[in-house]
C-alpha cells in the first residue's frame, strides 16, 4: 500500500514554482542591467553645464548574484526531473510498466541510457551550481 507519492511528484508546484520565481527575478535583474548606464565616468549636461561623476555602475555583482541564483533554480529542476525519470523507468516504482520502458527488457535498453545521462547531468549541474560570485576579487591595481 502506497501511503503517499514521492516528494518529486507531490512537491511539483513548490519546486517548479520556486524555480520559476527565480527565473522571473533573473529576467528582471538582466533587464534592469541592460537598461542601465554602466560607463565610467558618467557625463551629464544640464543648463550648459557638464557634470562628470565617477562611480561603479560597471561592476558585475548584481548580474553575478542573479545568475548564481539561476544556476540553483535550474539545478533543482534538473534534479527532480531526473528523479521522475527514474520513477518512469523503474518497474518497482512505475506501476507495472516494463523496465526502462523497453518492449524487451534485458535485450533492449529502452530509456535506460536516457536516465543514465540525466543522472550524470544532474551530478555535473550540482558542481557547476557553485556560486561564481564568491570568487570575485579586486584586480587592476585595486582600480
C-alpha atoms as a PDB file:
ATOM      1  CA  UNK A   1       0.000   0.000   0.000  1.00  0.00           C
ATOM      2  CA  UNK A   2       1.373   3.368  -1.023  1.00  0.00           C
ATOM      3  CA  UNK A   3       0.705   5.949   1.665  1.00  0.00           C
ATOM      4  CA  UNK A   4       1.876   8.958  -0.313  1.00  0.00           C
ATOM      5  CA  UNK A   5       3.672   9.855  -3.507  1.00  0.00           C
ATOM      6  CA  UNK A   6       7.358  10.732  -3.562  1.00  0.00           C
ATOM      7  CA  UNK A   7       8.440  14.342  -2.997  1.00  0.00           C
ATOM      8  CA  UNK A   8       9.310  14.662  -6.680  1.00  0.00           C
ATOM      9  CA  UNK A   9       5.634  14.194  -7.511  1.00  0.00           C
ATOM     10  CA  UNK A  10       3.715  15.819  -4.686  1.00  0.00           C
ATOM     11  CA  UNK A  11       6.027  18.830  -4.396  1.00  0.00           C
ATOM     12  CA  UNK A  12       5.986  19.759  -8.111  1.00  0.00           C
ATOM     13  CA  UNK A  13       4.140  23.061  -7.516  1.00  0.00           C
ATOM     14  CA  UNK A  14       6.514  24.102  -4.740  1.00  0.00           C
ATOM     15  CA  UNK A  15       9.725  23.139  -6.553  1.00  0.00           C
ATOM     16  CA  UNK A  16       8.720  24.364 -10.001  1.00  0.00           C
ATOM     17  CA  UNK A  17       7.099  27.478  -8.547  1.00  0.00           C
ATOM     18  CA  UNK A  18      10.250  28.407  -6.630  1.00  0.00           C
ATOM     19  CA  UNK A  19      12.374  27.860  -9.736  1.00  0.00           C
ATOM     20  CA  UNK A  20      10.063  29.972 -11.888  1.00  0.00           C
ATOM     21  CA  UNK A  21      10.214  32.744  -9.293  1.00  0.00           C
ATOM     22  CA  UNK A  22      13.998  32.604  -9.648  1.00  0.00           C
ATOM     23  CA  UNK A  23      13.682  32.814 -13.438  1.00  0.00           C
ATOM     24  CA  UNK A  24      11.461  35.889 -13.153  1.00  0.00           C
ATOM     25  CA  UNK A  25      13.863  37.528 -10.707  1.00  0.00           C
ATOM     26  CA  UNK A  26      16.817  36.891 -13.036  1.00  0.00           C
ATOM     27  CA  UNK A  27      14.898  38.250 -16.026  1.00  0.00           C
ATOM     28  CA  UNK A  28      14.062  41.403 -14.069  1.00  0.00           C
ATOM     29  CA  UNK A  29      17.689  41.884 -12.991  1.00  0.00           C
ATOM     30  CA  UNK A  30      19.053  41.338 -16.502  1.00  0.00           C
ATOM     31  CA  UNK A  31      16.558  43.788 -17.997  1.00  0.00           C
ATOM     32  CA  UNK A  32      17.446  46.331 -15.326  1.00  0.00           C
ATOM     33  CA  UNK A  33      21.173  45.971 -16.022  1.00  0.00           C
ATOM     34  CA  UNK A  34      20.722  46.037 -19.813  1.00  0.00           C
ATOM     35  CA  UNK A  35      18.954  49.370 -19.489  1.00  0.00           C
ATOM     36  CA  UNK A  36      21.426  50.870 -17.015  1.00  0.00           C
ATOM     37  CA  UNK A  37      24.295  53.206 -17.804  1.00  0.00           C
ATOM     38  CA  UNK A  38      27.489  51.392 -16.887  1.00  0.00           C
ATOM     39  CA  UNK A  39      30.044  53.839 -18.264  1.00  0.00           C
ATOM     40  CA  UNK A  40      32.694  55.269 -16.000  1.00  0.00           C
ATOM     41  CA  UNK A  41      32.734  58.141 -15.609  1.00  0.00           C
ATOM     42  CA  UNK A  42      29.158  59.189 -16.293  1.00  0.00           C
ATOM     43  CA  UNK A  43      28.901  62.546 -18.042  1.00  0.00           C
ATOM     44  CA  UNK A  44      25.818  64.737 -17.675  1.00  0.00           C
ATOM     45  CA  UNK A  45      24.989  68.050 -19.289  1.00  0.00           C
ATOM     46  CA  UNK A  46      22.417  70.324 -17.748  1.00  0.00           C
ATOM     47  CA  UNK A  47      21.781  74.018 -18.468  1.00  0.00           C
ATOM     48  CA  UNK A  48      25.054  74.395 -20.381  1.00  0.00           C
ATOM     49  CA  UNK A  49      26.992  72.839 -17.509  1.00  0.00           C
ATOM     50  CA  UNK A  50      28.819  69.490 -17.640  1.00  0.00           C
ATOM     51  CA  UNK A  51      28.987  67.157 -14.660  1.00  0.00           C
ATOM     52  CA  UNK A  52      31.403  64.218 -14.518  1.00  0.00           C
ATOM     53  CA  UNK A  53      30.694  61.551 -11.916  1.00  0.00           C
ATOM     54  CA  UNK A  54      32.935  58.541 -11.318  1.00  0.00           C
ATOM     55  CA  UNK A  55      31.159  55.511  -9.962  1.00  0.00           C
ATOM     56  CA  UNK A  56      30.981  51.752 -10.029  1.00  0.00           C
ATOM     57  CA  UNK A  57      27.968  51.097 -12.247  1.00  0.00           C
ATOM     58  CA  UNK A  58      30.149  48.792 -14.360  1.00  0.00           C
ATOM     59  CA  UNK A  59      30.527  46.302 -11.500  1.00  0.00           C
ATOM     60  CA  UNK A  60      29.093  42.902 -12.374  1.00  0.00           C
ATOM     61  CA  UNK A  61      27.982  41.823  -8.906  1.00  0.00           C
ATOM     62  CA  UNK A  62      24.219  42.335  -9.464  1.00  0.00           C
ATOM     63  CA  UNK A  63      24.309  40.109 -12.556  1.00  0.00           C
ATOM     64  CA  UNK A  64      26.633  37.602 -10.870  1.00  0.00           C
ATOM     65  CA  UNK A  65      24.252  37.202  -7.925  1.00  0.00           C
ATOM     66  CA  UNK A  66      21.255  36.830 -10.229  1.00  0.00           C
ATOM     67  CA  UNK A  67      22.955  34.240 -12.436  1.00  0.00           C
ATOM     68  CA  UNK A  68      24.205  32.295  -9.405  1.00  0.00           C
ATOM     69  CA  UNK A  69      20.591  32.202  -8.255  1.00  0.00           C
ATOM     70  CA  UNK A  70      19.589  30.993 -11.736  1.00  0.00           C
ATOM     71  CA  UNK A  71      22.056  28.099 -11.520  1.00  0.00           C
ATOM     72  CA  UNK A  72      20.416  26.925  -8.305  1.00  0.00           C
ATOM     73  CA  UNK A  73      16.935  27.053  -9.831  1.00  0.00           C
ATOM     74  CA  UNK A  74      17.976  25.143 -12.945  1.00  0.00           C
ATOM     75  CA  UNK A  75      19.945  22.600 -10.919  1.00  0.00           C
ATOM     76  CA  UNK A  76      16.977  21.825  -8.676  1.00  0.00           C
ATOM     77  CA  UNK A  77      14.611  21.455 -11.646  1.00  0.00           C
ATOM     78  CA  UNK A  78      17.079  19.058 -13.266  1.00  0.00           C
ATOM     79  CA  UNK A  79      17.386  17.088 -10.042  1.00  0.00           C
ATOM     80  CA  UNK A  80      13.663  16.478  -9.561  1.00  0.00           C
ATOM     81  CA  UNK A  81      13.192  15.832 -13.284  1.00  0.00           C
ATOM     82  CA  UNK A  82      15.826  13.089 -13.187  1.00  0.00           C
ATOM     83  CA  UNK A  83      14.098  11.560 -10.151  1.00  0.00           C
ATOM     84  CA  UNK A  84      10.799  11.477 -12.040  1.00  0.00           C
ATOM     85  CA  UNK A  85      12.564   9.865 -14.994  1.00  0.00           C
ATOM     86  CA  UNK A  86      13.935   7.218 -12.614  1.00  0.00           C
ATOM     87  CA  UNK A  87      10.389   6.531 -11.415  1.00  0.00           C
ATOM     88  CA  UNK A  88       9.259   6.150 -15.023  1.00  0.00           C
ATOM     89  CA  UNK A  89      11.905   3.572 -15.998  1.00  0.00           C
ATOM     90  CA  UNK A  90      11.997   1.626 -12.715  1.00  0.00           C
ATOM     91  CA  UNK A  91       9.429  -1.222 -12.658  1.00  0.00           C
ATOM     92  CA  UNK A  92       9.423  -1.154  -8.840  1.00  0.00           C
ATOM     93  CA  UNK A  93       8.110   2.404  -8.969  1.00  0.00           C
ATOM     94  CA  UNK A  94       6.259   2.851 -12.271  1.00  0.00           C
ATOM     95  CA  UNK A  95       3.123   0.786 -11.778  1.00  0.00           C
ATOM     96  CA  UNK A  96       3.780  -2.274 -13.934  1.00  0.00           C
ATOM     97  CA  UNK A  97       5.421  -0.634 -16.932  1.00  0.00           C
ATOM     98  CA  UNK A  98       8.301  -2.662 -18.398  1.00  0.00           C
ATOM     99  CA  UNK A  99      11.831  -1.981 -17.164  1.00  0.00           C
ATOM    100  CA  UNK A 100      13.281   1.078 -18.892  1.00  0.00           C
ATOM    101  CA  UNK A 101      10.052   1.247 -20.934  1.00  0.00           C
ATOM    102  CA  UNK A 102      11.570  -1.361 -23.217  1.00  0.00           C
ATOM    103  CA  UNK A 103       9.393  -3.813 -25.152  1.00  0.00           C
ATOM    104  CA  UNK A 104      12.059  -6.450 -24.398  1.00  0.00           C
ATOM    105  CA  UNK A 105      13.819  -5.574 -21.125  1.00  0.00           C
ATOM    106  CA  UNK A 106      17.197  -7.250 -20.926  1.00  0.00           C
ATOM    107  CA  UNK A 107      17.569  -7.347 -24.708  1.00  0.00           C
ATOM    108  CA  UNK A 108      16.799  -3.722 -25.488  1.00  0.00           C
ATOM    109  CA  UNK A 109      17.917  -0.842 -23.295  1.00  0.00           C
ATOM    110  CA  UNK A 110      14.812   1.290 -23.881  1.00  0.00           C
ATOM    111  CA  UNK A 111      15.157   4.539 -21.932  1.00  0.00           C
ATOM    112  CA  UNK A 112      17.993   3.237 -19.729  1.00  0.00           C
ATOM    113  CA  UNK A 113      20.684   5.432 -21.281  1.00  0.00           C
ATOM    114  CA  UNK A 114      18.406   8.461 -21.116  1.00  0.00           C
ATOM    115  CA  UNK A 115      18.165   8.024 -17.336  1.00  0.00           C
ATOM    116  CA  UNK A 116      21.948   7.440 -17.033  1.00  0.00           C
ATOM    117  CA  UNK A 117      22.614  10.621 -18.998  1.00  0.00           C
ATOM    118  CA  UNK A 118      20.137  12.579 -16.873  1.00  0.00           C
ATOM    119  CA  UNK A 119      21.768  11.341 -13.644  1.00  0.00           C
ATOM    120  CA  UNK A 120      25.192  12.317 -14.977  1.00  0.00           C
ATOM    121  CA  UNK A 121      23.995  15.789 -15.966  1.00  0.00           C
ATOM    122  CA  UNK A 122      22.388  16.320 -12.556  1.00  0.00           C
ATOM    123  CA  UNK A 123      25.681  15.469 -10.849  1.00  0.00           C
ATOM    124  CA  UNK A 124      27.578  17.854 -13.106  1.00  0.00           C
ATOM    125  CA  UNK A 125      24.959  20.582 -12.541  1.00  0.00           C
ATOM    126  CA  UNK A 126      25.457  20.321  -8.783  1.00  0.00           C
ATOM    127  CA  UNK A 127      29.157  21.074  -9.233  1.00  0.00           C
ATOM    128  CA  UNK A 128      28.509  23.887 -11.708  1.00  0.00           C
ATOM    129  CA  UNK A 129      25.886  25.448  -9.408  1.00  0.00           C
ATOM    130  CA  UNK A 130      28.651  26.610  -7.043  1.00  0.00           C
ATOM    131  CA  UNK A 131      28.266  30.405  -6.862  1.00  0.00           C
ATOM    132  CA  UNK A 132      30.811  32.108  -9.099  1.00  0.00           C
ATOM    133  CA  UNK A 133      30.157  35.446  -7.404  1.00  0.00           C
ATOM    134  CA  UNK A 134      32.003  34.324  -4.262  1.00  0.00           C
ATOM    135  CA  UNK A 135      35.229  34.274  -6.272  1.00  0.00           C
ATOM    136  CA  UNK A 136      35.125  37.976  -7.146  1.00  0.00           C
ATOM    137  CA  UNK A 137      38.330  39.773  -6.207  1.00  0.00           C
ATOM    138  CA  UNK A 138      39.713  43.215  -6.944  1.00  0.00           C
ATOM    139  CA  UNK A 139      42.315  43.389  -9.701  1.00  0.00           C
ATOM    140  CA  UNK A 140      43.917  46.025 -11.910  1.00  0.00           C
ATOM    141  CA  UNK A 141      45.915  47.652  -9.090  1.00  0.00           C
ATOM    142  CA  UNK A 142      42.734  47.955  -6.997  1.00  0.00           C
ATOM    143  CA  UNK A 143      41.174  50.260  -9.581  1.00  0.00           C
END
